[in-house]
């Protein structure tokens, strides 16, 4: 079973990665463009955190699952934004 602390840490990490990804997306939208390496790293981190969420979902309580599902949805939305460049 996923512990409360594991879920809390995972959700905090999701927030940090989403913020980083948003910064990279905004940087890439600027006229001079962003740093391709950092942009790719942000996309990789989003994919990794999505995989961590999937593993954690297997042992989460129903309440934790709800929180993790919402976090996974935010990660997926950011991945889509970065792919589409919007």
PDB file of N, CA and C in Angstrom:
ATOM      1  N   UNK A   1       0.841  -1.183   0.000  1.00  0.00           N
ATOM      2  CA  UNK A   1       0.000   0.000   0.000  1.00  0.00           C
ATOM      3  C   UNK A   1       0.885   1.245   0.000  1.00  0.00           C
ATOM      4  N   UNK A   2       0.502   2.197  -0.761  1.00  0.00           N
ATOM      5  CA  UNK A   2       1.242   3.462  -0.824  1.00  0.00           C
ATOM      6  C   UNK A   2       1.035   4.223   0.480  1.00  0.00           C
ATOM      7  N   UNK A   3       2.125   4.732   1.006  1.00  0.00           N
ATOM      8  CA  UNK A   3       2.004   5.501   2.238  1.00  0.00           C
ATOM      9  C   UNK A   3       1.583   6.927   1.919  1.00  0.00           C
ATOM     10  N   UNK A   4       1.030   7.558   2.927  1.00  0.00           N
ATOM     11  CA  UNK A   4       0.619   8.962   2.782  1.00  0.00           C
ATOM     12  C   UNK A   4       1.817   9.812   2.364  1.00  0.00           C
ATOM     13  N   UNK A   5       2.974   9.524   2.947  1.00  0.00           N
ATOM     14  CA  UNK A   5       4.184  10.300   2.655  1.00  0.00           C
ATOM     15  C   UNK A   5       4.626  10.113   1.200  1.00  0.00           C
ATOM     16  N   UNK A   6       4.532   8.875   0.680  1.00  0.00           N
ATOM     17  CA  UNK A   6       4.908   8.617  -0.709  1.00  0.00           C
ATOM     18  C   UNK A   6       4.030   9.416  -1.668  1.00  0.00           C
ATOM     19  N   UNK A   7       2.745   9.405  -1.407  1.00  0.00           N
ATOM     20  CA  UNK A   7       1.812  10.138  -2.270  1.00  0.00           C
ATOM     21  C   UNK A   7       2.074  11.632  -2.175  1.00  0.00           C
ATOM     22  N   UNK A   8       2.280  12.122  -0.959  1.00  0.00           N
ATOM     23  CA  UNK A   8       2.550  13.548  -0.758  1.00  0.00           C
ATOM     24  C   UNK A   8       3.810  13.972  -1.509  1.00  0.00           C
ATOM     25  N   UNK A   9       4.879  13.173  -1.398  1.00  0.00           N
ATOM     26  CA  UNK A   9       6.130  13.483  -2.099  1.00  0.00           C
ATOM     27  C   UNK A   9       5.930  13.447  -3.606  1.00  0.00           C
ATOM     28  N   UNK A  10       5.178  12.449  -4.086  1.00  0.00           N
ATOM     29  CA  UNK A  10       4.936  12.324  -5.519  1.00  0.00           C
ATOM     30  C   UNK A  10       4.166  13.528  -6.040  1.00  0.00           C
ATOM     31  N   UNK A  11       3.154  13.956  -5.307  1.00  0.00           N
ATOM     32  CA  UNK A  11       2.359  15.106  -5.736  1.00  0.00           C
ATOM     33  C   UNK A  11       3.183  16.385  -5.721  1.00  0.00           C
ATOM     34  N   UNK A  12       4.067  16.511  -4.746  1.00  0.00           N
ATOM     35  CA  UNK A  12       4.955  17.677  -4.694  1.00  0.00           C
ATOM     36  C   UNK A  12       5.895  17.668  -5.893  1.00  0.00           C
ATOM     37  N   UNK A  13       6.416  16.488  -6.225  1.00  0.00           N
ATOM     38  CA  UNK A  13       7.317  16.377  -7.367  1.00  0.00           C
ATOM     39  C   UNK A  13       6.573  16.694  -8.664  1.00  0.00           C
ATOM     40  N   UNK A  14       5.331  16.271  -8.769  1.00  0.00           N
ATOM     41  CA  UNK A  14       4.517  16.587  -9.945  1.00  0.00           C
ATOM     42  C   UNK A  14       4.411  18.099 -10.112  1.00  0.00           C
ATOM     43  N   UNK A  15       4.123  18.794  -9.023  1.00  0.00           N
ATOM     44  CA  UNK A  15       4.017  20.253  -9.081  1.00  0.00           C
ATOM     45  C   UNK A  15       5.298  20.911  -9.546  1.00  0.00           C
ATOM     46  N   UNK A  16       6.428  20.435  -9.034  1.00  0.00           N
ATOM     47  CA  UNK A  16       7.720  21.006  -9.417  1.00  0.00           C
ATOM     48  C   UNK A  16       8.015  20.756 -10.890  1.00  0.00           C
ATOM     49  N   UNK A  17       7.744  19.549 -11.356  1.00  0.00           N
ATOM     50  CA  UNK A  17       8.014  19.212 -12.755  1.00  0.00           C
ATOM     51  C   UNK A  17       7.068  19.971 -13.678  1.00  0.00           C
ATOM     52  N   UNK A  18       5.810  20.112 -13.288  1.00  0.00           N
ATOM     53  CA  UNK A  18       4.872  20.892 -14.102  1.00  0.00           C
ATOM     54  C   UNK A  18       5.320  22.344 -14.213  1.00  0.00           C
ATOM     55  N   UNK A  19       5.814  22.903 -13.132  1.00  0.00           N
ATOM     56  CA  UNK A  19       6.297  24.285 -13.155  1.00  0.00           C
ATOM     57  C   UNK A  19       7.501  24.408 -14.086  1.00  0.00           C
ATOM     58  N   UNK A  20       8.430  23.480 -13.997  1.00  0.00           N
ATOM     59  CA  UNK A  20       9.605  23.487 -14.868  1.00  0.00           C
ATOM     60  C   UNK A  20       9.187  23.359 -16.332  1.00  0.00           C
ATOM     61  N   UNK A  21       8.267  22.450 -16.607  1.00  0.00           N
ATOM     62  CA  UNK A  21       7.811  22.244 -17.979  1.00  0.00           C
ATOM     63  C   UNK A  21       7.123  23.494 -18.517  1.00  0.00           C
ATOM     64  N   UNK A  22       6.321  24.137 -17.692  1.00  0.00           N
ATOM     65  CA  UNK A  22       5.641  25.373 -18.101  1.00  0.00           C
ATOM     66  C   UNK A  22       6.661  26.457 -18.438  1.00  0.00           C
ATOM     67  N   UNK A  23       7.708  26.566 -17.628  1.00  0.00           N
ATOM     68  CA  UNK A  23       8.764  27.550 -17.886  1.00  0.00           C
ATOM     69  C   UNK A  23       9.457  27.261 -19.213  1.00  0.00           C
ATOM     70  N   UNK A  24       9.746  25.996 -19.481  1.00  0.00           N
ATOM     71  CA  UNK A  24      10.411  25.633 -20.726  1.00  0.00           C
ATOM     72  C   UNK A  24       9.503  25.873 -21.929  1.00  0.00           C
ATOM     73  N   UNK A  25       8.232  25.595 -21.767  1.00  0.00           N
ATOM     74  CA  UNK A  25       7.280  25.842 -22.848  1.00  0.00           C
ATOM     75  C   UNK A  25       7.188  27.331 -23.147  1.00  0.00           C
ATOM     76  N   UNK A  26       7.092  28.150 -22.116  1.00  0.00           N
ATOM     77  CA  UNK A  26       7.039  29.603 -22.308  1.00  0.00           C
ATOM     78  C   UNK A  26       8.322  30.125 -22.935  1.00  0.00           C
ATOM     79  N   UNK A  27       9.449  29.585 -22.532  1.00  0.00           N
ATOM     80  CA  UNK A  27      10.732  29.991 -23.098  1.00  0.00           C
ATOM     81  C   UNK A  27      10.799  29.642 -24.586  1.00  0.00           C
ATOM     82  N   UNK A  28      10.292  28.477 -24.941  1.00  0.00           N
ATOM     83  CA  UNK A  28      10.320  28.043 -26.339  1.00  0.00           C
ATOM     84  C   UNK A  28       9.400  28.888 -27.213  1.00  0.00           C
ATOM     85  N   UNK A  29       8.366  29.464 -26.633  1.00  0.00           N
ATOM     86  CA  UNK A  29       7.423  30.293 -27.389  1.00  0.00           C
ATOM     87  C   UNK A  29       7.991  31.666 -27.734  1.00  0.00           C
ATOM     88  N   UNK A  30       9.013  32.089 -27.008  1.00  0.00           N
ATOM     89  CA  UNK A  30       9.584  33.406 -27.255  1.00  0.00           C
ATOM     90  C   UNK A  30      10.271  33.427 -28.611  1.00  0.00           C
ATOM     91  N   UNK A  31      10.464  34.631 -29.134  1.00  0.00           N
ATOM     92  CA  UNK A  31      11.011  34.812 -30.478  1.00  0.00           C
ATOM     93  C   UNK A  31      12.350  34.109 -30.645  1.00  0.00           C
ATOM     94  N   UNK A  32      13.255  34.232 -29.671  1.00  0.00           N
ATOM     95  CA  UNK A  32      14.564  33.614 -29.808  1.00  0.00           C
ATOM     96  C   UNK A  32      14.515  32.114 -29.532  1.00  0.00           C
ATOM     97  N   UNK A  33      13.379  31.621 -29.064  1.00  0.00           N
ATOM     98  CA  UNK A  33      13.253  30.202 -28.777  1.00  0.00           C
ATOM     99  C   UNK A  33      13.904  29.848 -27.468  1.00  0.00           C
ATOM    100  N   UNK A  34      13.696  28.637 -27.051  1.00  0.00           N
ATOM    101  CA  UNK A  34      14.238  28.182 -25.778  1.00  0.00           C
ATOM    102  C   UNK A  34      15.433  27.278 -25.981  1.00  0.00           C
ATOM    103  N   UNK A  35      15.838  26.666 -24.913  1.00  0.00           N
ATOM    104  CA  UNK A  35      16.943  25.721 -24.914  1.00  0.00           C
ATOM    105  C   UNK A  35      16.375  24.337 -25.220  1.00  0.00           C
ATOM    106  N   UNK A  36      16.723  23.796 -26.397  1.00  0.00           N
ATOM    107  CA  UNK A  36      16.175  22.505 -26.820  1.00  0.00           C
ATOM    108  C   UNK A  36      16.485  21.391 -25.828  1.00  0.00           C
ATOM    109  N   UNK A  37      17.669  21.424 -25.250  1.00  0.00           N
ATOM    110  CA  UNK A  37      18.061  20.373 -24.310  1.00  0.00           C
ATOM    111  C   UNK A  37      17.183  20.430 -23.062  1.00  0.00           C
ATOM    112  N   UNK A  38      16.983  21.626 -22.517  1.00  0.00           N
ATOM    113  CA  UNK A  38      16.140  21.764 -21.326  1.00  0.00           C
ATOM    114  C   UNK A  38      14.692  21.395 -21.641  1.00  0.00           C
ATOM    115  N   UNK A  39      14.237  21.730 -22.831  1.00  0.00           N
ATOM    116  CA  UNK A  39      12.877  21.394 -23.249  1.00  0.00           C
ATOM    117  C   UNK A  39      12.715  19.878 -23.295  1.00  0.00           C
ATOM    118  N   UNK A  40      13.699  19.207 -23.906  1.00  0.00           N
ATOM    119  CA  UNK A  40      13.667  17.746 -23.977  1.00  0.00           C
ATOM    120  C   UNK A  40      13.743  17.120 -22.590  1.00  0.00           C
ATOM    121  N   UNK A  41      14.565  17.697 -21.719  1.00  0.00           N
ATOM    122  CA  UNK A  41      14.679  17.188 -20.352  1.00  0.00           C
ATOM    123  C   UNK A  41      13.355  17.335 -19.607  1.00  0.00           C
ATOM    124  N   UNK A  42      12.677  18.441 -19.815  1.00  0.00           N
ATOM    125  CA  UNK A  42      11.376  18.650 -19.171  1.00  0.00           C
ATOM    126  C   UNK A  42      10.368  17.606 -19.654  1.00  0.00           C
ATOM    127  N   UNK A  43      10.389  17.315 -20.955  1.00  0.00           N
ATOM    128  CA  UNK A  43       9.491  16.294 -21.486  1.00  0.00           C
ATOM    129  C   UNK A  43       9.823  14.921 -20.902  1.00  0.00           C
ATOM    130  N   UNK A  44      11.099  14.630 -20.759  1.00  0.00           N
ATOM    131  CA  UNK A  44      11.526  13.359 -20.172  1.00  0.00           C
ATOM    132  C   UNK A  44      11.082  13.256 -18.716  1.00  0.00           C
ATOM    133  N   UNK A  45      11.220  14.347 -17.975  1.00  0.00           N
ATOM    134  CA  UNK A  45      10.790  14.341 -16.577  1.00  0.00           C
ATOM    135  C   UNK A  45       9.282  14.130 -16.464  1.00  0.00           C
ATOM    136  N   UNK A  46       8.533  14.719 -17.370  1.00  0.00           N
ATOM    137  CA  UNK A  46       7.084  14.500 -17.373  1.00  0.00           C
ATOM    138  C   UNK A  46       6.764  13.027 -17.609  1.00  0.00           C
ATOM    139  N   UNK A  47       7.460  12.411 -18.536  1.00  0.00           N
ATOM    140  CA  UNK A  47       7.231  10.993 -18.816  1.00  0.00           C
ATOM    141  C   UNK A  47       7.614  10.129 -17.617  1.00  0.00           C
ATOM    142  N   UNK A  48       8.735  10.451 -16.977  1.00  0.00           N
ATOM    143  CA  UNK A  48       9.175   9.682 -15.818  1.00  0.00           C
ATOM    144  C   UNK A  48       8.201   9.813 -14.653  1.00  0.00           C
ATOM    145  N   UNK A  49       7.728  11.021 -14.398  1.00  0.00           N
ATOM    146  CA  UNK A  49       6.798  11.210 -13.281  1.00  0.00           C
ATOM    147  C   UNK A  49       5.474  10.520 -13.585  1.00  0.00           C
ATOM    148  N   UNK A  50       5.080  10.491 -14.839  1.00  0.00           N
ATOM    149  CA  UNK A  50       3.868   9.779 -15.226  1.00  0.00           C
ATOM    150  C   UNK A  50       4.020   8.285 -14.929  1.00  0.00           C
ATOM    151  N   UNK A  51       5.189   7.727 -15.222  1.00  0.00           N
ATOM    152  CA  UNK A  51       5.456   6.317 -14.926  1.00  0.00           C
ATOM    153  C   UNK A  51       5.457   6.059 -13.425  1.00  0.00           C
ATOM    154  N   UNK A  52       6.019   6.970 -12.642  1.00  0.00           N
ATOM    155  CA  UNK A  52       6.019   6.825 -11.186  1.00  0.00           C
ATOM    156  C   UNK A  52       4.590   6.845 -10.646  1.00  0.00           C
ATOM    157  N   UNK A  53       3.778   7.733 -11.190  1.00  0.00           N
ATOM    158  CA  UNK A  53       2.379   7.806 -10.762  1.00  0.00           C
ATOM    159  C   UNK A  53       1.677   6.484 -11.054  1.00  0.00           C
ATOM    160  N   UNK A  54       1.911   5.925 -12.234  1.00  0.00           N
ATOM    161  CA  UNK A  54       1.284   4.654 -12.605  1.00  0.00           C
ATOM    162  C   UNK A  54       1.636   3.556 -11.605  1.00  0.00           C
ATOM    163  N   UNK A  55       2.907   3.477 -11.218  1.00  0.00           N
ATOM    164  CA  UNK A  55       3.332   2.456 -10.253  1.00  0.00           C
ATOM    165  C   UNK A  55       2.689   2.695  -8.891  1.00  0.00           C
ATOM    166  N   UNK A  56       2.618   3.941  -8.486  1.00  0.00           N
ATOM    167  CA  UNK A  56       2.050   4.278  -7.184  1.00  0.00           C
ATOM    168  C   UNK A  56       0.543   4.011  -7.145  1.00  0.00           C
ATOM    169  N   UNK A  57      -0.117   4.176  -8.274  1.00  0.00           N
ATOM    170  CA  UNK A  57      -1.561   3.925  -8.341  1.00  0.00           C
ATOM    171  C   UNK A  57      -1.911   2.482  -7.987  1.00  0.00           C
ATOM    172  N   UNK A  58      -1.012   1.565  -8.276  1.00  0.00           N
ATOM    173  CA  UNK A  58      -1.277   0.147  -8.027  1.00  0.00           C
ATOM    174  C   UNK A  58      -1.459  -0.163  -6.546  1.00  0.00           C
ATOM    175  N   UNK A  59      -0.859   0.642  -5.689  1.00  0.00           N
ATOM    176  CA  UNK A  59      -0.934   0.355  -4.255  1.00  0.00           C
ATOM    177  C   UNK A  59      -1.587   1.485  -3.457  1.00  0.00           C
ATOM    178  N   UNK A  60      -2.254   2.374  -4.142  1.00  0.00           N
ATOM    179  CA  UNK A  60      -2.849   3.539  -3.477  1.00  0.00           C
ATOM    180  C   UNK A  60      -4.253   3.227  -2.960  1.00  0.00           C
ATOM    181  N   UNK A  61      -4.626   3.947  -1.929  1.00  0.00           N
ATOM    182  CA  UNK A  61      -5.998   3.861  -1.419  1.00  0.00           C
ATOM    183  C   UNK A  61      -6.912   4.620  -2.381  1.00  0.00           C
ATOM    184  N   UNK A  62      -8.218   4.437  -2.275  1.00  0.00           N
ATOM    185  CA  UNK A  62      -9.127   5.172  -3.173  1.00  0.00           C
ATOM    186  C   UNK A  62      -8.930   6.690  -3.120  1.00  0.00           C
ATOM    187  N   UNK A  63      -8.734   7.239  -1.938  1.00  0.00           N
ATOM    188  CA  UNK A  63      -8.516   8.686  -1.823  1.00  0.00           C
ATOM    189  C   UNK A  63      -7.208   9.095  -2.499  1.00  0.00           C
ATOM    190  N   UNK A  64      -6.169   8.293  -2.289  1.00  0.00           N
ATOM    191  CA  UNK A  64      -4.877   8.585  -2.911  1.00  0.00           C
ATOM    192  C   UNK A  64      -4.975   8.460  -4.420  1.00  0.00           C
ATOM    193  N   UNK A  65      -5.728   7.456  -4.889  1.00  0.00           N
ATOM    194  CA  UNK A  65      -5.905   7.277  -6.332  1.00  0.00           C
ATOM    195  C   UNK A  65      -6.515   8.524  -6.964  1.00  0.00           C
ATOM    196  N   UNK A  66      -7.498   9.091  -6.293  1.00  0.00           N
ATOM    197  CA  UNK A  66      -8.141  10.298  -6.806  1.00  0.00           C
ATOM    198  C   UNK A  66      -7.121  11.421  -6.970  1.00  0.00           C
ATOM    199  N   UNK A  67      -6.291  11.622  -5.964  1.00  0.00           N
ATOM    200  CA  UNK A  67      -5.253  12.659  -6.036  1.00  0.00           C
ATOM    201  C   UNK A  67      -4.260  12.349  -7.154  1.00  0.00           C
ATOM    202  N   UNK A  68      -3.867  11.085  -7.253  1.00  0.00           N
ATOM    203  CA  UNK A  68      -2.891  10.693  -8.269  1.00  0.00           C
ATOM    204  C   UNK A  68      -3.481  10.784  -9.671  1.00  0.00           C
ATOM    205  N   UNK A  69      -4.752  10.435  -9.835  1.00  0.00           N
ATOM    206  CA  UNK A  69      -5.400  10.567 -11.141  1.00  0.00           C
ATOM    207  C   UNK A  69      -5.406  12.022 -11.602  1.00  0.00           C
ATOM    208  N   UNK A  70      -5.722  12.929 -10.669  1.00  0.00           N
ATOM    209  CA  UNK A  70      -5.722  14.358 -11.021  1.00  0.00           C
ATOM    210  C   UNK A  70      -4.320  14.832 -11.396  1.00  0.00           C
ATOM    211  N   UNK A  71      -3.325  14.373 -10.645  1.00  0.00           N
ATOM    212  CA  UNK A  71      -1.944  14.755 -10.951  1.00  0.00           C
ATOM    213  C   UNK A  71      -1.534  14.203 -12.313  1.00  0.00           C
ATOM    214  N   UNK A  72      -1.918  12.952 -12.587  1.00  0.00           N
ATOM    215  CA  UNK A  72      -1.579  12.345 -13.878  1.00  0.00           C
ATOM    216  C   UNK A  72      -2.244  13.106 -15.014  1.00  0.00           C
ATOM    217  N   UNK A  73      -3.469  13.567 -14.794  1.00  0.00           N
ATOM    218  CA  UNK A  73      -4.164  14.344 -15.821  1.00  0.00           C
ATOM    219  C   UNK A  73      -3.425  15.654 -16.101  1.00  0.00           C
ATOM    220  N   UNK A  74      -2.934  16.315 -15.052  1.00  0.00           N
ATOM    221  CA  UNK A  74      -2.167  17.550 -15.238  1.00  0.00           C
ATOM    222  C   UNK A  74      -0.881  17.277 -16.019  1.00  0.00           C
ATOM    223  N   UNK A  75      -0.220  16.170 -15.697  1.00  0.00           N
ATOM    224  CA  UNK A  75       1.010  15.807 -16.405  1.00  0.00           C
ATOM    225  C   UNK A  75       0.693  15.555 -17.875  1.00  0.00           C
ATOM    226  N   UNK A  76      -0.361  14.800 -18.146  1.00  0.00           N
ATOM    227  CA  UNK A  76      -0.742  14.513 -19.533  1.00  0.00           C
ATOM    228  C   UNK A  76      -1.092  15.783 -20.303  1.00  0.00           C
ATOM    229  N   UNK A  77      -1.783  16.710 -19.654  1.00  0.00           N
ATOM    230  CA  UNK A  77      -2.118  17.973 -20.308  1.00  0.00           C
ATOM    231  C   UNK A  77      -0.862  18.761 -20.651  1.00  0.00           C
ATOM    232  N   UNK A  78       0.104  18.777 -19.736  1.00  0.00           N
ATOM    233  CA  UNK A  78       1.349  19.495 -20.007  1.00  0.00           C
ATOM    234  C   UNK A  78       2.116  18.816 -21.136  1.00  0.00           C
ATOM    235  N   UNK A  79       2.132  17.493 -21.154  1.00  0.00           N
ATOM    236  CA  UNK A  79       2.798  16.790 -22.249  1.00  0.00           C
ATOM    237  C   UNK A  79       2.164  17.180 -23.581  1.00  0.00           C
ATOM    238  N   UNK A  80       0.851  17.224 -23.628  1.00  0.00           N
ATOM    239  CA  UNK A  80       0.162  17.614 -24.860  1.00  0.00           C
ATOM    240  C   UNK A  80       0.499  19.042 -25.261  1.00  0.00           C
ATOM    241  N   UNK A  81       0.518  19.955 -24.291  1.00  0.00           N
ATOM    242  CA  UNK A  81       0.880  21.349 -24.583  1.00  0.00           C
ATOM    243  C   UNK A  81       2.279  21.430 -25.182  1.00  0.00           C
ATOM    244  N   UNK A  82       3.202  20.675 -24.607  1.00  0.00           N
ATOM    245  CA  UNK A  82       4.584  20.743 -25.083  1.00  0.00           C
ATOM    246  C   UNK A  82       4.715  20.142 -26.475  1.00  0.00           C
ATOM    247  N   UNK A  83       3.975  19.078 -26.738  1.00  0.00           N
ATOM    248  CA  UNK A  83       4.020  18.464 -28.062  1.00  0.00           C
ATOM    249  C   UNK A  83       3.439  19.416 -29.107  1.00  0.00           C
ATOM    250  N   UNK A  84       2.323  20.046 -28.762  1.00  0.00           N
ATOM    251  CA  UNK A  84       1.662  20.962 -29.694  1.00  0.00           C
ATOM    252  C   UNK A  84       2.288  22.351 -29.709  1.00  0.00           C
ATOM    253  N   UNK A  85       3.071  22.665 -28.682  1.00  0.00           N
ATOM    254  CA  UNK A  85       3.713  23.973 -28.603  1.00  0.00           C
ATOM    255  C   UNK A  85       2.739  25.099 -28.336  1.00  0.00           C
ATOM    256  N   UNK A  86       1.707  24.818 -27.551  1.00  0.00           N
ATOM    257  CA  UNK A  86       0.698  25.856 -27.263  1.00  0.00           C
ATOM    258  C   UNK A  86       0.787  26.339 -25.834  1.00  0.00           C
TER     259      UNK A  86
END
